Amino acid sequence: MATAFLVEPPPVVARRPLTEDDAIDIWIARWMRTRPTDLQRRYACDPRRLYEIWEEVRFPGSRAKALAAFQRRFPRLEPRFDPGPHRRIPTSAHPDPDQLSLFPEA
């Protein structure tokens, strides 16, 4: 009888391939500081698909189209973000020896 009061889980979001319009909206959402986890839920996609869009592996040229759409939708917000391409920050277990000079020796 206790199961009668349980809230049903939300309906499963149908997975579908991302389109170029989705890519433009994903770029705009990035510039509006929408969290990647929220974008994953909204589009029901793997985070790698978002980075494929941001690195322009999929839908090349979508960043330029998104910038034009952003300028039309939000003309006053343009100078508040960096519209440049996504830059991957490499992480490694071994620091670059060229940067060791930045830290004083103990």
Foldseek 3Di string as FASTA:
>chain_A
DVVVPDDDDDDDDDADDDDLVLLLVLLVCVQVVDDLVVSCRVRVDDSVVNVCSLQVVDPNPSLVVSLVVCCVVPVVCVVVGDSDGDDDDDDDPDDDPVCPVVDDDD
